[in-house]
C-alpha atoms as a PDB file:
ATOM      1  CA  MET A   1       0.083  -0.088   0.295  1.00  0.00           C
ATOM      2  CA  THR A   2       1.363   3.151  -0.951  1.00  0.00           C
ATOM      3  CA  ILE A   3       0.533   6.142   1.074  1.00  0.00           C
ATOM      4  CA  PHE A   4       2.550   8.772  -0.161  1.00  0.00           C
ATOM      5  CA  ARG A   5       0.031   9.654  -3.141  1.00  0.00           C
ATOM      6  CA  PHE A   6       0.094  13.256  -1.674  1.00  0.00           C
ATOM      7  CA  SER A   7       3.979  13.902  -2.671  1.00  0.00           C
ATOM      8  CA  ALA A   8       3.159  12.901  -6.270  1.00  0.00           C
ATOM      9  CA  ALA A   9       0.023  13.648  -7.533  1.00  0.00           C
ATOM     10  CA  VAL A  10      -1.923  15.883  -4.588  1.00  0.00           C
ATOM     11  CA  GLY A  11       1.469  17.922  -3.990  1.00  0.00           C
ATOM     12  CA  ILE A  12       1.710  18.988  -7.363  1.00  0.00           C
ATOM     13  CA  ALA A  13      -1.803  19.641  -8.475  1.00  0.00           C
ATOM     14  CA  ALA A  14      -2.281  21.305  -5.370  1.00  0.00           C
ATOM     15  CA  MET A  15       0.984  23.576  -5.399  1.00  0.00           C
ATOM     16  CA  THR A  16      -0.206  24.470  -9.433  1.00  0.00           C
ATOM     17  CA  VAL A  17      -3.534  25.135  -8.457  1.00  0.00           C
ATOM     18  CA  ALA A  18      -3.205  27.502  -5.301  1.00  0.00           C
ATOM     19  CA  SER A  19      -0.228  29.188  -7.551  1.00  0.00           C
ATOM     20  CA  ALA A  20      -3.164  30.797  -9.017  1.00  0.00           C
ATOM     21  CA  ILE A  21      -4.871  32.114  -5.962  1.00  0.00           C
ATOM     22  CA  CYS A  22      -8.572  30.042  -5.887  1.00  0.00           C
ATOM     23  CA  ALA A  23     -10.923  31.682  -4.396  1.00  0.00           C
ATOM     24  CA  PRO A  24     -11.970  30.173  -0.996  1.00  0.00           C
ATOM     25  CA  ALA A  25     -13.575  27.064  -0.802  1.00  0.00           C
ATOM     26  CA  ILE A  26     -15.130  24.782   2.091  1.00  0.00           C
ATOM     27  CA  SER A  27     -14.410  20.883   1.909  1.00  0.00           C
ATOM     28  CA  ALA A  28     -16.861  19.012   4.152  1.00  0.00           C
ATOM     29  CA  ALA A  29     -15.770  17.447   7.157  1.00  0.00           C
ATOM     30  CA  PRO A  30     -15.354  13.808   6.996  1.00  0.00           C
ATOM     31  CA  THR A  31     -18.710  11.966   8.243  1.00  0.00           C
ATOM     32  CA  LYS A  32     -18.246   9.629  11.824  1.00  0.00           C
ATOM     33  CA  THR A  33     -18.515   6.755   9.451  1.00  0.00           C
ATOM     34  CA  GLU A  34     -15.335   7.849   7.374  1.00  0.00           C
ATOM     35  CA  GLN A  35     -13.278   8.652  10.357  1.00  0.00           C
ATOM     36  CA  GLU A  36     -14.018   4.923  12.012  1.00  0.00           C
ATOM     37  CA  CYS A  37     -12.194   1.924  10.818  1.00  0.00           C
ATOM     38  CA  GLY A  38     -12.586  -0.541  13.086  1.00  0.00           C
ATOM     39  CA  ASN A  39     -13.096  -4.482  11.619  1.00  0.00           C
ATOM     40  CA  ILE A  40     -11.359  -7.548  12.847  1.00  0.00           C
ATOM     41  CA  ASN A  41     -10.114  -7.750   9.305  1.00  0.00           C
ATOM     42  CA  PRO A  42      -6.576  -5.819   8.722  1.00  0.00           C
ATOM     43  CA  GLN A  43      -7.319  -5.550   5.119  1.00  0.00           C
ATOM     44  CA  THR A  44     -10.273  -3.856   4.985  1.00  0.00           C
ATOM     45  CA  VAL A  45      -9.238  -1.774   7.850  1.00  0.00           C
ATOM     46  CA  ARG A  46      -6.125  -0.661   5.560  1.00  0.00           C
ATOM     47  CA  SER A  47      -8.754   0.097   2.842  1.00  0.00           C
ATOM     48  CA  CYS A  48     -10.694   2.061   5.228  1.00  0.00           C
ATOM     49  CA  LEU A  49      -7.811   3.756   6.256  1.00  0.00           C
ATOM     50  CA  SER A  50      -6.981   4.462   2.611  1.00  0.00           C
ATOM     51  CA  ARG A  51      -9.837   5.649   1.669  1.00  0.00           C
ATOM     52  CA  ARG A  52      -9.445   8.292   4.983  1.00  0.00           C
ATOM     53  CA  ILE A  53      -6.337   9.156   4.297  1.00  0.00           C
ATOM     54  CA  GLU A  54      -6.750  10.014   0.333  1.00  0.00           C
ATOM     55  CA  ALA A  55     -10.002  12.340   1.864  1.00  0.00           C
ATOM     56  CA  LYS A  56      -7.999  13.885   4.120  1.00  0.00           C
ATOM     57  CA  GLU A  57      -5.131  14.350   1.042  1.00  0.00           C
ATOM     58  CA  GLN A  58      -7.397  16.104  -0.964  1.00  0.00           C
ATOM     59  CA  HIS A  59      -8.459  18.172   2.321  1.00  0.00           C
ATOM     60  CA  LEU A  60      -5.436  19.311   2.643  1.00  0.00           C
ATOM     61  CA  GLY A  61      -4.875  20.519  -1.573  1.00  0.00           C
ATOM     62  CA  THR A  62      -8.533  22.228  -0.579  1.00  0.00           C
ATOM     63  CA  VAL A  63      -6.982  24.330   2.637  1.00  0.00           C
ATOM     64  CA  TYR A  64      -3.361  24.713   1.392  1.00  0.00           C
ATOM     65  CA  THR A  65      -5.105  26.744  -1.406  1.00  0.00           C
ATOM     66  CA  ARG A  66      -7.323  29.060   0.615  1.00  0.00           C
ATOM     67  CA  ALA A  67      -4.335  29.309   2.922  1.00  0.00           C
ATOM     68  CA  LEU A  68      -2.039  30.109   0.180  1.00  0.00           C
ATOM     69  CA  ALA A  69      -4.586  33.022  -1.076  1.00  0.00           C
ATOM     70  CA  ALA A  70      -4.949  34.001   2.811  1.00  0.00           C
ATOM     71  CA  VAL A  71      -0.792  34.898   2.801  1.00  0.00           C
ATOM     72  CA  ALA A  72      -0.963  36.211  -0.640  1.00  0.00           C
ATOM     73  CA  ASP A  73      -3.537  38.875   0.595  1.00  0.00           C
ATOM     74  CA  GLY A  74      -1.581  39.404   3.444  1.00  0.00           C
ATOM     75  CA  PHE A  75       1.861  40.091   1.202  1.00  0.00           C
ATOM     76  CA  LYS A  76      -0.340  42.339  -0.655  1.00  0.00           C
ATOM     77  CA  LYS A  77      -1.301  44.759   2.255  1.00  0.00           C
ATOM     78  CA  TYR A  78       1.950  44.223   4.743  1.00  0.00           C
ATOM     79  CA  GLY A  79       4.649  42.839   2.648  1.00  0.00           C
ATOM     80  CA  GLY A  80       6.197  46.120   2.104  1.00  0.00           C
ATOM     81  CA  PHE A  81       7.588  45.841   5.565  1.00  0.00           C
ATOM     82  CA  ASP A  82       8.050  42.294   5.596  1.00  0.00           C
ATOM     83  CA  ASN A  83       9.320  40.237   2.965  1.00  0.00           C
ATOM     84  CA  ARG A  84       9.119  36.715   5.129  1.00  0.00           C
ATOM     85  CA  THR A  85       5.059  37.060   4.430  1.00  0.00           C
ATOM     86  CA  ASP A  86       5.881  36.542   0.781  1.00  0.00           C
ATOM     87  CA  PRO A  87       3.936  33.460  -0.187  1.00  0.00           C
ATOM     88  CA  MET A  88       6.634  31.679  -2.242  1.00  0.00           C
ATOM     89  CA  PHE A  89       7.647  31.091   1.604  1.00  0.00           C
ATOM     90  CA  LEU A  90       4.655  28.544   2.068  1.00  0.00           C
ATOM     91  CA  ARG A  91       5.111  26.999  -1.055  1.00  0.00           C
ATOM     92  CA  LYS A  92       8.335  26.313   0.016  1.00  0.00           C
ATOM     93  CA  SER A  93       7.253  24.814   3.204  1.00  0.00           C
ATOM     94  CA  GLN A  94       4.752  23.018   1.772  1.00  0.00           C
ATOM     95  CA  ALA A  95       7.266  20.694  -0.967  1.00  0.00           C
ATOM     96  CA  GLU A  96       9.639  20.127   2.196  1.00  0.00           C
ATOM     97  CA  TRP A  97       6.875  19.552   4.799  1.00  0.00           C
ATOM     98  CA  VAL A  98       5.933  16.724   2.104  1.00  0.00           C
ATOM     99  CA  ARG A  99       9.594  15.438   2.170  1.00  0.00           C
ATOM    100  CA  PHE A 100       9.963  15.873   5.816  1.00  0.00           C
ATOM    101  CA  VAL A 101       6.779  13.923   6.624  1.00  0.00           C
ATOM    102  CA  GLU A 102       7.625  10.856   4.131  1.00  0.00           C
ATOM    103  CA  ASP A 103      11.199  10.806   5.496  1.00  0.00           C
ATOM    104  CA  ASP A 104      10.441  11.062   9.283  1.00  0.00           C
ATOM    105  CA  CYS A 105       7.363   8.714   9.313  1.00  0.00           C
ATOM    106  CA  THR A 106       9.841   6.077   7.601  1.00  0.00           C
ATOM    107  CA  VAL A 107      12.020   6.441  10.349  1.00  0.00           C
ATOM    108  CA  GLN A 108       9.644   6.344  13.166  1.00  0.00           C
ATOM    109  CA  ALA A 109       7.704   3.318  11.525  1.00  0.00           C
ATOM    110  CA  ALA A 110      10.939   1.503  10.932  1.00  0.00           C
ATOM    111  CA  PHE A 111      12.865   1.594  14.065  1.00  0.00           C
ATOM    112  CA  GLY A 112       9.865  -0.099  16.274  1.00  0.00           C
ATOM    113  CA  GLY A 113      10.665  -3.029  13.888  1.00  0.00           C
ATOM    114  CA  GLY A 114       8.747  -6.062  13.205  1.00  0.00           C
ATOM    115  CA  SER A 115       6.690  -7.317   9.931  1.00  0.00           C
ATOM    116  CA  ASN A 116       6.605  -5.454   7.077  1.00  0.00           C
ATOM    117  CA  SER A 117       2.669  -4.983   7.846  1.00  0.00           C
ATOM    118  CA  SER A 118       3.465  -3.785  10.897  1.00  0.00           C
ATOM    119  CA  ILE A 119       5.754  -1.113   9.820  1.00  0.00           C
ATOM    120  CA  SER A 120       3.499  -0.425   7.236  1.00  0.00           C
ATOM    121  CA  ASP A 121       0.921   0.329   9.749  1.00  0.00           C
ATOM    122  CA  ARG A 122       2.798   2.505  11.901  1.00  0.00           C
ATOM    123  CA  LEU A 123       3.709   4.338   8.828  1.00  0.00           C
ATOM    124  CA  THR A 124      -0.035   5.082   7.760  1.00  0.00           C
ATOM    125  CA  ASP A 125      -0.714   6.272  11.110  1.00  0.00           C
ATOM    126  CA  CYS A 126       2.453   8.400  11.275  1.00  0.00           C
ATOM    127  CA  TYR A 127       1.024   9.933   8.102  1.00  0.00           C
ATOM    128  CA  GLU A 128      -2.263  10.312   8.986  1.00  0.00           C
ATOM    129  CA  GLY A 129      -0.766  12.241  12.128  1.00  0.00           C
ATOM    130  CA  GLU A 130       0.742  14.269  10.150  1.00  0.00           C
ATOM    131  CA  LEU A 131      -2.211  15.315   7.707  1.00  0.00           C
ATOM    132  CA  ASP A 132      -4.111  16.305  10.626  1.00  0.00           C
ATOM    133  CA  ARG A 133      -1.501  18.731  11.733  1.00  0.00           C
ATOM    134  CA  ARG A 134      -0.889  20.271   8.458  1.00  0.00           C
ATOM    135  CA  ILE A 135      -4.248  20.476   8.103  1.00  0.00           C
ATOM    136  CA  ALA A 136      -4.932  22.314  11.149  1.00  0.00           C
ATOM    137  CA  PHE A 137      -1.636  24.827  10.687  1.00  0.00           C
ATOM    138  CA  LEU A 138      -2.942  25.971   7.083  1.00  0.00           C
ATOM    139  CA  GLU A 139      -6.733  26.227   8.535  1.00  0.00           C
ATOM    140  CA  GLN A 140      -5.420  28.849  10.952  1.00  0.00           C
ATOM    141  CA  LEU A 141      -3.738  30.208   7.730  1.00  0.00           C
ATOM    142  CA  ALA A 142      -6.439  30.704   5.734  1.00  0.00           C
ATOM    143  CA  ASP A 143      -8.811  31.758   8.417  1.00  0.00           C
ATOM    144  CA  GLY A 144      -6.117  34.388   9.800  1.00  0.00           C
ATOM    145  CA  SER A 145      -6.354  32.673  13.217  1.00  0.00           C
ATOM    146  CA  PHE A 146      -2.819  31.634  13.447  1.00  0.00           C
ATOM    147  CA  GLY A 147      -0.738  33.672  15.770  1.00  0.00           C
ATOM    148  CA  GLY A 148      -3.628  35.192  17.364  1.00  0.00           C
ATOM    149  CA  PRO A 149      -4.054  35.277  20.960  1.00  0.00           C
END
């Protein structure tokens, strides 16, 4: 199971779309059924997790586009005072985040030992957690709440 579809397919698409700075889009939150993947059959669980991660990757692409637009708006207003608000830094950050997560989750998963499937399961868990954290960060950028009180 390849879980890092984001780095190749969605990452390039999100960055390409985001560079055009689209209008804000709202993505529906996953339903409770989509969030729960409990089952005794490991293959069924992995299939469910794969679908859930795919939905999160799509949501990440959407929220990244909104965050990039918000950063670009801020740069138009305040960029003359501080060029570190340039949206190019968010683009670079996103690309580097993808590489970091791939490497970091691989290391975390591999050093627990065990069978290939247990390492893959730990890799999936790590990746999903990192997706959740990145989505939360980008949502804060998009809605302007990052760094606030």
